[in-house]
N, C-alpha and C. Protein backbone atom coordinates (compact mmCIF):
# COMPACT_ATOMS: atom_id res chain seq x y z
N UNK A 1 -23.81 -129.85 130.07
CA UNK A 1 -23.42 -130.47 129.10
C UNK A 1 -22.17 -129.67 128.53
N UNK A 2 -20.99 -129.81 128.13
CA UNK A 2 -19.88 -129.81 127.64
C UNK A 2 -19.73 -129.02 126.23
N UNK A 3 -19.88 -127.83 125.98
CA UNK A 3 -19.74 -127.37 124.52
C UNK A 3 -18.52 -127.26 123.94
N UNK A 4 -18.33 -127.51 122.52
CA UNK A 4 -17.79 -128.15 121.70
C UNK A 4 -16.55 -126.73 121.46
N UNK A 5 -15.90 -127.09 121.73
CA UNK A 5 -14.42 -125.97 121.42
C UNK A 5 -13.57 -125.79 120.85
N UNK A 6 -12.08 -125.57 120.33
CA UNK A 6 -11.26 -125.46 119.53
C UNK A 6 -10.90 -126.66 120.09
N UNK A 7 -9.66 -127.38 119.50
CA UNK A 7 -8.34 -128.45 120.87
C UNK A 7 -7.17 -127.27 120.38
N UNK A 8 -5.98 -127.66 121.23
CA UNK A 8 -4.76 -127.20 121.41
C UNK A 8 -4.08 -128.40 121.20
N UNK A 9 -2.72 -128.39 120.69
CA UNK A 9 -1.83 -129.76 120.93
C UNK A 9 -0.61 -128.62 121.32
N UNK A 10 -0.10 -129.60 121.63
CA UNK A 10 1.31 -128.83 122.58
C UNK A 10 2.25 -130.04 122.21
N UNK A 11 3.29 -129.33 122.06
CA UNK A 11 4.35 -130.13 121.65
C UNK A 11 5.64 -129.18 122.16
N UNK A 12 7.04 -129.60 122.41
CA UNK A 12 8.35 -129.37 122.98
C UNK A 12 8.87 -128.64 121.60
N UNK A 13 9.05 -127.07 122.25
CA UNK A 13 10.29 -126.37 121.58
C UNK A 13 11.31 -126.91 120.59
N UNK A 14 11.84 -127.64 120.93
CA UNK A 14 13.25 -128.10 120.80
C UNK A 14 12.69 -129.45 119.58
N UNK A 15 11.40 -129.75 118.69
CA UNK A 15 11.02 -130.56 118.01
C UNK A 15 9.83 -129.68 116.99
N UNK A 16 9.78 -128.52 117.55
CA UNK A 16 8.48 -127.84 116.53
C UNK A 16 8.58 -128.05 115.27
N UNK A 17 9.61 -128.11 114.62
CA UNK A 17 9.96 -128.12 113.26
C UNK A 17 8.44 -129.13 112.56
N UNK A 18 9.10 -130.47 113.04
CA UNK A 18 7.91 -131.04 112.41
C UNK A 18 6.47 -131.58 113.08
N UNK A 19 6.17 -130.80 113.80
CA UNK A 19 4.49 -130.82 113.78
C UNK A 19 4.30 -129.54 112.95
N UNK A 20 5.00 -128.41 113.06
CA UNK A 20 4.75 -127.03 112.50
C UNK A 20 4.57 -127.53 110.84
N UNK A 21 5.48 -128.38 110.05
CA UNK A 21 5.57 -128.24 109.42
C UNK A 21 3.90 -129.47 108.57
N UNK A 22 3.91 -130.81 109.60
CA UNK A 22 2.87 -131.25 109.27
C UNK A 22 1.48 -130.82 109.62
N UNK A 23 0.94 -129.90 110.34
CA UNK A 23 0.15 -129.48 110.76
C UNK A 23 -0.48 -128.07 109.61
N UNK A 24 0.55 -127.97 108.82
CA UNK A 24 -0.09 -126.91 107.80
C UNK A 24 -1.63 -127.43 107.04
N UNK A 25 -1.47 -128.62 107.06
CA UNK A 25 -2.26 -129.46 106.10
C UNK A 25 -3.69 -129.24 106.41
N UNK A 26 -4.05 -128.98 107.59
CA UNK A 26 -5.17 -128.72 108.66
C UNK A 26 -5.43 -127.70 109.04
N UNK A 27 -5.35 -126.32 108.39
CA UNK A 27 -5.82 -125.28 108.84
C UNK A 27 -5.32 -124.90 110.36
N UNK A 28 -4.76 -125.39 110.83
CA UNK A 28 -4.17 -125.24 112.23
C UNK A 28 -3.88 -123.57 112.51
N UNK A 29 -3.40 -123.32 113.74
CA UNK A 29 -3.10 -122.21 114.28
C UNK A 29 -2.28 -121.81 114.73
N UNK A 30 -1.14 -121.24 114.50
CA UNK A 30 0.03 -121.84 115.30
C UNK A 30 0.25 -120.85 116.30
N UNK A 31 0.25 -120.78 117.42
CA UNK A 31 0.81 -119.31 118.84
C UNK A 31 1.89 -119.06 118.65
N UNK A 32 2.69 -118.37 118.04
CA UNK A 32 4.42 -117.36 117.67
C UNK A 32 4.60 -116.88 118.20
N UNK A 33 5.98 -116.49 119.33
CA UNK A 33 5.94 -115.19 120.10
C UNK A 33 6.61 -114.09 119.07
N UNK A 34 6.35 -113.28 119.84
CA UNK A 34 6.50 -111.72 119.69
C UNK A 34 7.96 -111.28 119.06
N UNK A 35 8.77 -112.16 119.55
CA UNK A 35 10.48 -111.75 120.05
C UNK A 35 10.83 -112.34 118.50
N UNK A 36 12.26 -111.66 118.07
CA UNK A 36 12.90 -111.46 117.05
C UNK A 36 12.82 -112.78 116.16
N UNK A 37 13.28 -113.91 117.51
CA UNK A 37 13.28 -115.00 116.89
C UNK A 37 12.82 -115.62 116.29
N UNK A 38 11.44 -114.99 117.17
CA UNK A 38 10.25 -115.70 116.12
C UNK A 38 9.53 -115.57 115.08
N UNK A 39 9.94 -113.92 114.34
CA UNK A 39 9.74 -113.83 113.41
C UNK A 39 10.06 -114.20 111.92
N UNK A 40 11.08 -115.41 112.23
CA UNK A 40 11.82 -116.22 111.13
C UNK A 40 10.72 -117.30 111.13
N UNK A 41 10.39 -117.77 112.08
CA UNK A 41 9.39 -119.28 111.99
C UNK A 41 7.71 -118.16 111.45
N UNK A 42 7.28 -117.04 111.61
CA UNK A 42 6.21 -116.50 111.52
C UNK A 42 6.35 -116.78 109.58
N UNK A 43 7.42 -115.84 109.58
CA UNK A 43 7.67 -115.31 107.89
C UNK A 43 7.39 -116.94 107.12
N UNK A 44 8.43 -117.30 107.42
CA UNK A 44 8.06 -119.09 106.58
C UNK A 44 6.41 -119.87 107.23
N UNK A 45 5.78 -119.90 108.32
CA UNK A 45 4.20 -120.53 108.70
C UNK A 45 3.51 -119.46 108.17
N UNK A 46 4.04 -118.31 107.64
CA UNK A 46 2.76 -117.71 106.39
C UNK A 46 2.85 -117.91 104.91
N UNK A 47 4.29 -118.46 104.72
CA UNK A 47 4.49 -118.72 103.09
C UNK A 47 3.25 -120.15 102.94
N UNK A 48 3.51 -120.93 103.86
CA UNK A 48 3.39 -122.20 104.06
C UNK A 48 1.90 -121.87 104.33
N UNK A 49 1.17 -121.37 104.10
CA UNK A 49 -0.55 -120.87 104.74
C UNK A 49 -0.42 -120.98 106.08
N UNK A 50 -0.40 -120.02 107.38
CA UNK A 50 -0.74 -119.88 108.09
C UNK A 50 -0.90 -119.06 108.57
N UNK A 51 -1.54 -118.73 109.64
CA UNK A 51 -2.14 -117.12 110.41
C UNK A 51 -2.06 -117.32 111.66
N UNK A 52 -0.52 -116.49 111.93
CA UNK A 52 -0.29 -116.89 113.78
C UNK A 52 -0.92 -116.01 114.07
N UNK A 53 -1.47 -116.79 115.16
CA UNK A 53 -1.50 -115.73 116.70
C UNK A 53 0.06 -115.15 117.12
N UNK A 54 -0.08 -114.03 117.41
CA UNK A 54 1.67 -113.14 117.58
C UNK A 54 1.26 -113.08 118.62
N UNK A 55 2.30 -113.37 119.76
CA UNK A 55 2.42 -112.93 121.49
C UNK A 55 2.97 -113.99 121.98
N UNK A 56 3.06 -113.81 123.58
CA UNK A 56 3.67 -115.00 124.56
C UNK A 56 3.35 -113.39 125.47
N UNK A 57 4.67 -114.17 126.93
CA UNK A 57 3.57 -114.15 128.10
C UNK A 57 4.14 -112.42 128.25
N UNK A 58 5.48 -112.22 127.54
CA UNK A 58 6.00 -111.06 127.90
C UNK A 58 5.53 -110.00 126.91
N UNK A 59 5.52 -110.29 125.79
CA UNK A 59 5.10 -109.22 124.46
C UNK A 59 4.00 -109.75 123.99
N UNK A 60 2.93 -108.32 123.86
CA UNK A 60 1.59 -108.52 123.36
C UNK A 60 1.04 -109.23 124.00
N UNK A 61 1.14 -109.65 125.68
CA UNK A 61 0.64 -110.59 126.09
C UNK A 61 -0.84 -110.88 126.17
N UNK A 62 -1.32 -110.23 126.22
CA UNK A 62 -3.43 -109.54 126.32
C UNK A 62 -3.78 -109.63 124.91
N UNK A 63 -3.26 -109.36 123.59
CA UNK A 63 -3.59 -109.63 122.76
C UNK A 63 -3.65 -110.42 122.11
N UNK A 64 -2.57 -111.55 122.34
CA UNK A 64 -2.50 -112.87 122.47
C UNK A 64 -3.60 -113.31 123.18
N UNK A 65 -3.34 -113.47 123.80
CA UNK A 65 -4.57 -114.15 125.04
C UNK A 65 -6.00 -114.05 124.41
N UNK A 66 -6.16 -112.56 123.84
CA UNK A 66 -7.65 -112.56 123.98
C UNK A 66 -7.71 -113.49 122.33
N UNK A 67 -7.07 -112.95 121.45
CA UNK A 67 -6.81 -113.68 119.82
C UNK A 67 -7.17 -115.34 120.48
N UNK A 68 -6.16 -115.89 121.12
CA UNK A 68 -6.40 -117.41 121.49
C UNK A 68 -7.78 -117.88 121.74
N UNK A 69 -8.03 -117.14 122.93
CA UNK A 69 -9.44 -117.67 123.03
C UNK A 69 -10.76 -117.30 122.61
N UNK A 70 -10.69 -116.57 121.54
CA UNK A 70 -11.42 -116.03 120.78
C UNK A 70 -11.12 -116.75 119.80
N UNK A 71 -10.18 -117.79 118.97
CA UNK A 71 -9.94 -119.05 118.50
C UNK A 71 -10.53 -120.10 119.08
N UNK A 72 -10.12 -120.34 120.30
CA UNK A 72 -10.76 -121.81 120.90
C UNK A 72 -12.31 -121.98 121.33
N UNK A 73 -13.13 -120.23 121.19
CA UNK A 73 -14.29 -120.91 121.56
C UNK A 73 -14.91 -120.91 120.08
N UNK A 74 -13.82 -121.16 119.00
CA UNK A 74 -14.05 -122.20 117.37
C UNK A 74 -14.49 -123.56 117.82
N UNK A 75 -16.14 -124.18 117.61
CA UNK A 75 -15.67 -125.64 117.70
C UNK A 75 -14.82 -126.02 116.43
N UNK A 76 -13.95 -127.18 116.53
CA UNK A 76 -13.18 -127.51 115.25
C UNK A 76 -11.90 -126.82 115.17
N UNK A 77 -11.27 -125.51 115.90
CA UNK A 77 -10.67 -124.87 115.89
C UNK A 77 -9.16 -125.93 116.22
N UNK A 78 -8.13 -125.98 115.46
CA UNK A 78 -6.75 -126.36 116.19
C UNK A 78 -6.06 -125.25 116.48
N UNK A 79 -5.23 -125.44 117.76
CA UNK A 79 -3.81 -124.37 117.44
C UNK A 79 -2.98 -125.07 117.83
N UNK A 80 -2.25 -124.90 117.78
CA UNK A 80 -0.85 -125.54 117.95
C UNK A 80 0.51 -124.36 118.26
N UNK A 81 1.08 -125.27 119.55
CA UNK A 81 1.96 -124.63 120.48
C UNK A 81 3.24 -125.11 120.80
N UNK A 82 4.40 -124.33 121.06
CA UNK A 82 4.94 -125.16 122.19
C UNK A 82 5.26 -124.20 123.65
N UNK A 83 4.99 -124.94 124.79
CA UNK A 83 4.09 -124.31 125.87
C UNK A 83 5.54 -123.83 126.43
N UNK A 84 6.66 -124.16 126.06
CA UNK A 84 7.94 -124.31 126.75
C UNK A 84 8.98 -123.51 126.06
N UNK A 85 8.56 -122.56 125.43
CA UNK A 85 9.22 -121.72 124.58
C UNK A 85 8.77 -120.39 124.57
N UNK A 86 9.86 -119.41 124.46
CA UNK A 86 11.13 -119.15 123.09
C UNK A 86 12.13 -119.45 124.12
N UNK A 87 11.84 -119.12 125.84
CA UNK A 87 13.52 -119.71 126.56
C UNK A 87 13.44 -120.47 127.58
N UNK A 88 12.16 -121.33 127.60
CA UNK A 88 12.19 -122.04 128.65
C UNK A 88 11.66 -121.79 130.17
N UNK A 89 11.91 -122.75 130.77
CA UNK A 89 12.84 -123.81 130.70
C UNK A 89 12.39 -124.80 130.04
N UNK A 90 13.19 -125.39 129.43
CA UNK A 90 12.50 -126.69 128.64
C UNK A 90 11.91 -127.96 129.30
N UNK A 91 10.69 -128.21 128.08
CA UNK A 91 9.95 -129.31 128.44
C UNK A 91 9.12 -129.28 129.96
N UNK A 92 8.56 -127.62 130.38
CA UNK A 92 7.87 -127.18 131.04
C UNK A 92 7.08 -126.64 130.70
N UNK A 93 5.62 -127.22 131.47
CA UNK A 93 4.27 -125.94 130.59
C UNK A 93 4.59 -124.67 131.48
N UNK A 94 4.17 -123.61 130.80
CA UNK A 94 3.74 -122.81 131.53
C UNK A 94 2.44 -122.41 131.89
N UNK A 95 2.04 -122.02 133.44
CA UNK A 95 0.74 -121.92 133.50
C UNK A 95 -0.21 -120.68 132.61
N UNK A 96 0.16 -119.88 132.03
CA UNK A 96 -0.46 -119.12 131.95
C UNK A 96 -1.48 -119.16 130.53
N UNK A 97 -0.80 -120.28 129.91
CA UNK A 97 -1.50 -120.30 128.88
C UNK A 97 -2.89 -121.71 129.14
N UNK A 98 -1.90 -122.34 130.31
CA UNK A 98 -3.10 -123.90 130.80
C UNK A 98 -4.59 -122.30 131.35
N UNK A 99 -3.74 -121.39 131.81
CA UNK A 99 -5.51 -120.43 132.36
C UNK A 99 -6.56 -120.32 131.32
N UNK A 100 -5.40 -120.14 130.37
CA UNK A 100 -6.34 -119.48 129.02
C UNK A 100 -7.44 -120.67 128.29
N UNK A 101 -6.60 -121.85 128.44
CA UNK A 101 -7.10 -122.96 127.86
C UNK A 101 -8.35 -123.14 128.26
N UNK A 102 -8.26 -123.38 129.81
CA UNK A 102 -9.00 -123.70 130.53
C UNK A 102 -10.35 -122.77 130.76
N UNK A 103 -10.28 -121.50 130.44
CA UNK A 103 -11.70 -121.06 130.10
C UNK A 103 -12.11 -120.49 128.96
N UNK A 104 -11.68 -121.37 127.84
CA UNK A 104 -12.35 -121.53 126.52
C UNK A 104 -12.49 -123.64 126.85
N UNK A 105 -12.50 -123.91 127.63
CA UNK A 105 -13.32 -125.35 128.24
C UNK A 105 -12.27 -126.26 126.80
N UNK A 106 -10.83 -126.14 126.65
CA UNK A 106 -10.73 -126.91 125.59
C UNK A 106 -9.99 -127.55 125.74
N UNK A 107 -9.47 -128.83 124.90
CA UNK A 107 -8.53 -129.93 125.72
C UNK A 107 -7.40 -129.79 124.91
N UNK A 108 -6.13 -130.26 125.50
CA UNK A 108 -4.96 -130.36 125.26
C UNK A 108 -4.72 -132.14 124.39
N UNK A 109 -4.04 -131.47 123.28
CA UNK A 109 -3.14 -133.27 123.08
C UNK A 109 -1.95 -133.03 122.86
N UNK A 110 -1.35 -133.89 123.81
CA UNK A 110 0.25 -133.98 123.68
C UNK A 110 0.73 -134.14 122.89
N UNK A 111 1.79 -134.37 121.98
CA UNK A 111 2.28 -134.33 120.87
C UNK A 111 3.61 -134.68 120.95
N UNK A 112 4.38 -136.31 120.31
CA UNK A 112 5.47 -136.18 120.48
C UNK A 112 6.43 -135.84 119.22
N UNK A 113 7.26 -135.55 118.44
CA UNK A 113 7.80 -135.53 117.69
C UNK A 113 9.41 -135.94 117.84
N UNK A 114 9.54 -136.90 116.46
CA UNK A 114 11.43 -137.41 116.41
C UNK A 114 11.59 -137.65 115.05
N UNK A 115 13.03 -137.17 114.89
CA UNK A 115 13.41 -137.72 114.04
C UNK A 115 14.62 -138.56 113.93
N UNK A 116 14.95 -139.57 112.94
CA UNK A 116 15.89 -140.78 112.97
C UNK A 116 17.51 -139.61 113.23
N UNK A 117 17.66 -138.87 112.34
CA UNK A 117 18.38 -138.24 112.26
C UNK A 117 18.74 -136.56 112.23
N UNK A 118 18.77 -136.65 113.44
CA UNK A 118 18.33 -134.88 113.66
C UNK A 118 20.08 -134.32 113.81
N UNK A 119 20.01 -132.62 113.88
CA UNK A 119 20.91 -132.15 113.78
C UNK A 119 20.38 -131.17 115.04
N UNK A 120 21.60 -131.79 115.92
CA UNK A 120 21.24 -131.12 117.47
C UNK A 120 21.48 -129.94 117.65
N UNK A 121 21.20 -128.41 118.41
CA UNK A 121 21.82 -127.22 118.45
C UNK A 121 21.95 -127.07 119.45
N UNK A 122 23.62 -126.73 120.25
CA UNK A 122 23.79 -126.36 121.89
C UNK A 122 22.83 -125.03 121.75
N UNK A 123 21.39 -125.16 121.94
CA UNK A 123 20.53 -124.03 122.51
C UNK A 123 20.09 -124.32 123.47
N UNK A 124 19.26 -123.24 124.01
CA UNK A 124 18.67 -124.19 125.75
C UNK A 124 18.41 -125.30 125.81
N UNK A 125 17.30 -125.17 124.93
CA UNK A 125 16.04 -126.44 124.71
C UNK A 125 17.41 -127.98 123.25
N UNK A 126 17.77 -127.63 123.25
CA UNK A 126 18.50 -129.02 122.11
C UNK A 126 17.94 -128.82 121.02
N UNK A 127 17.91 -127.38 120.56
CA UNK A 127 16.69 -127.94 119.34
C UNK A 127 17.31 -128.63 118.33
N UNK A 128 16.24 -129.47 117.33
CA UNK A 128 16.82 -130.15 116.38
C UNK A 128 15.71 -129.66 115.18
N UNK A 129 16.65 -130.35 114.53
CA UNK A 129 16.58 -130.19 112.61
C UNK A 129 16.80 -131.48 111.73
N UNK A 130 15.53 -131.97 111.58
CA UNK A 130 16.00 -133.19 110.86
C UNK A 130 16.56 -133.11 109.92
N UNK A 131 17.63 -134.37 109.74
CA UNK A 131 18.01 -134.29 108.40
C UNK A 131 17.40 -134.55 107.24
N UNK A 132 18.08 -134.47 106.02
CA UNK A 132 17.42 -134.78 104.52
C UNK A 132 17.30 -136.46 104.76
N UNK A 133 16.38 -137.22 104.31
CA UNK A 133 16.02 -138.12 104.51
C UNK A 133 15.51 -139.22 105.37
N UNK A 134 15.60 -138.43 106.38
CA UNK A 134 15.46 -138.64 108.10
C UNK A 134 14.21 -139.47 108.07
N UNK A 135 14.18 -140.15 108.69
CA UNK A 135 12.16 -140.94 109.40
C UNK A 135 11.89 -140.09 109.98
N UNK A 136 10.79 -139.44 109.61
CA UNK A 136 9.97 -139.06 111.01
C UNK A 136 8.99 -139.73 111.76
N UNK A 137 8.59 -139.42 113.05
CA UNK A 137 6.91 -140.03 113.90
C UNK A 137 6.76 -138.70 114.28
N UNK A 138 5.31 -138.64 114.92
CA UNK A 138 4.67 -138.05 115.32
C UNK A 138 3.62 -138.90 116.57
N UNK A 139 3.76 -139.05 117.80
CA UNK A 139 2.76 -139.50 118.73
C UNK A 139 1.80 -138.55 119.20
N UNK A 140 0.55 -139.19 119.01
CA UNK A 140 -0.64 -137.90 119.66
C UNK A 140 -0.90 -139.16 120.94
N UNK A 141 -0.98 -137.94 121.85
CA UNK A 141 -1.04 -138.60 123.41
C UNK A 141 -2.72 -138.38 123.51
N UNK A 142 -3.19 -139.22 124.71
CA UNK A 142 -4.82 -139.22 124.64
C UNK A 142 -5.24 -137.68 125.23
N UNK A 143 -5.99 -137.14 125.15
CA UNK A 143 -6.68 -135.65 125.16
C UNK A 143 -6.48 -135.41 126.76
N UNK A 144 -6.25 -134.09 127.14
CA UNK A 144 -6.84 -133.94 128.22
C UNK A 144 -7.64 -132.77 128.58
N UNK A 145 -8.71 -132.64 128.93
CA UNK A 145 -10.00 -132.03 129.18
C UNK A 145 -9.81 -130.78 130.03
N UNK A 146 -9.54 -129.57 129.64
CA UNK A 146 -9.35 -128.30 130.88
C UNK A 146 -10.48 -127.56 131.46
N UNK A 147 -11.48 -128.40 131.49
CA UNK A 147 -12.88 -127.55 131.79
C UNK A 147 -12.20 -126.42 133.12
N UNK A 148 -12.97 -125.41 133.22
CA UNK A 148 -12.97 -124.57 134.36
C UNK A 148 -13.21 -125.28 135.71
N UNK A 149 -12.46 -125.11 136.96
CA UNK A 149 -12.15 -125.45 138.02
C UNK A 149 -12.50 -126.91 138.20
N UNK A 150 -11.79 -128.05 137.10
CA UNK A 150 -11.21 -128.85 136.95
C UNK A 150 -9.99 -129.29 138.18
N UNK A 151 -9.08 -128.32 138.42
CA UNK A 151 -7.80 -128.46 138.93
C UNK A 151 -7.26 -127.23 139.11
N UNK A 152 -6.53 -126.92 139.67
CA UNK A 152 -5.42 -125.35 139.30
C UNK A 152 -4.60 -125.61 138.33
N UNK A 153 -4.37 -124.10 137.88
CA UNK A 153 -3.33 -124.46 136.81
C UNK A 153 -1.55 -125.20 136.95
N UNK A 154 -1.11 -124.73 138.48
CA UNK A 154 -0.09 -125.55 138.32
C UNK A 154 -0.06 -127.49 138.44
N UNK A 155 -1.24 -127.61 139.21
CA UNK A 155 -1.72 -129.09 138.86
C UNK A 155 -1.81 -129.39 137.35
N UNK A 156 -2.27 -128.70 136.37
CA UNK A 156 -2.46 -129.35 134.94
C UNK A 156 -1.50 -129.12 134.10
N UNK A 157 -0.70 -128.19 134.69
CA UNK A 157 0.52 -127.61 134.00
C UNK A 157 1.62 -128.83 134.08
N UNK A 158 1.80 -129.18 135.25
CA UNK A 158 2.90 -130.46 135.92
C UNK A 158 1.93 -131.78 134.81
N UNK A 159 0.29 -132.07 135.20
CA UNK A 159 0.05 -133.54 134.23
C UNK A 159 0.03 -133.09 132.67
N UNK A 160 0.37 -131.92 132.07
CA UNK A 160 0.58 -131.69 130.46
C UNK A 160 1.97 -132.01 130.62
N UNK A 161 2.56 -131.67 131.22
CA UNK A 161 4.63 -131.77 131.17
C UNK A 161 4.43 -132.91 130.63
N UNK A 162 4.47 -133.41 131.82
CA UNK A 162 3.97 -135.47 131.90
C UNK A 162 3.55 -136.07 130.77
N UNK A 163 2.53 -135.52 130.41
CA UNK A 163 1.75 -136.24 129.21
C UNK A 163 2.45 -136.05 127.39
N UNK A 164 3.17 -135.15 127.55
CA UNK A 164 4.00 -134.50 126.68
C UNK A 164 5.23 -135.11 126.60
N UNK A 165 5.95 -135.53 127.58
CA UNK A 165 7.23 -135.92 128.22
C UNK A 165 6.81 -137.90 127.62
N UNK A 166 5.51 -137.93 127.94
CA UNK A 166 5.43 -139.81 127.78
C UNK A 166 5.06 -139.39 126.19
N UNK A 167 4.71 -138.62 125.47
CA UNK A 167 4.26 -138.60 123.58
C UNK A 167 5.51 -138.19 123.40
N UNK A 168 6.73 -137.36 123.72
CA UNK A 168 7.83 -137.27 123.16
C UNK A 168 8.68 -138.58 122.97
N UNK A 169 8.60 -139.22 124.41
CA UNK A 169 8.99 -140.86 124.24
C UNK A 169 8.54 -141.78 123.50
N UNK A 170 7.79 -141.81 123.24
CA UNK A 170 6.74 -142.75 122.48
C UNK A 170 7.57 -142.72 121.27
N UNK A 171 7.47 -141.51 120.40
CA UNK A 171 7.91 -140.63 119.19
C UNK A 171 9.10 -141.20 118.87
N UNK A 172 9.88 -141.05 120.05
CA UNK A 172 11.42 -141.93 119.64
C UNK A 172 11.45 -143.13 119.61
N UNK A 173 10.83 -143.96 120.47
CA UNK A 173 10.84 -144.99 120.81
C UNK A 173 10.25 -145.80 118.91
N UNK A 174 9.13 -144.80 118.52
CA UNK A 174 8.87 -145.62 116.87
C UNK A 174 9.65 -145.26 115.98
N UNK A 175 10.64 -144.36 116.15
CA UNK A 175 12.13 -143.95 115.53
C UNK A 175 12.97 -144.86 115.69
N UNK A 176 13.17 -145.22 116.79
CA UNK A 176 14.19 -146.24 117.44
C UNK A 176 14.39 -147.95 117.43
N UNK A 177 12.93 -148.02 117.51
CA UNK A 177 12.34 -149.50 116.99
C UNK A 177 12.35 -149.67 118.85
């Protein structure tokens, strides 16, 4: 029998502001990188009530992995993250986080987010900032279970990449009609 664990909501780095703002209501825990660019997001998040996990595959990796695993062992806990940040490649899930989530036997819920009128920055991921009075959409895909031994991390990363892309396409369709 599968024991209950936390859940991970994954969305692309380019649209992170929409879900980041939305999930503040649910005591979700964001995984935020330890690099200097992420410091601003962490500070904003703390003012919104988040208590983030800080770290990435390059900085504070062990500490972040241990904190993420411990968090996911709590039933009903929500973690939010961008599996393609902070440097890319854009829209590709990295395998390191998948291995941690598999160990916790958690599920991933792919999330798509869109704005009817975004400012689009000339960055590695074409980062988007919704303009004031824009319509916003969030789309949740079907959960993907990541039990240990279900599949190797590379194939799971490919599956989750496809599922987040599908959720993102659906969020855009909701906005564009």
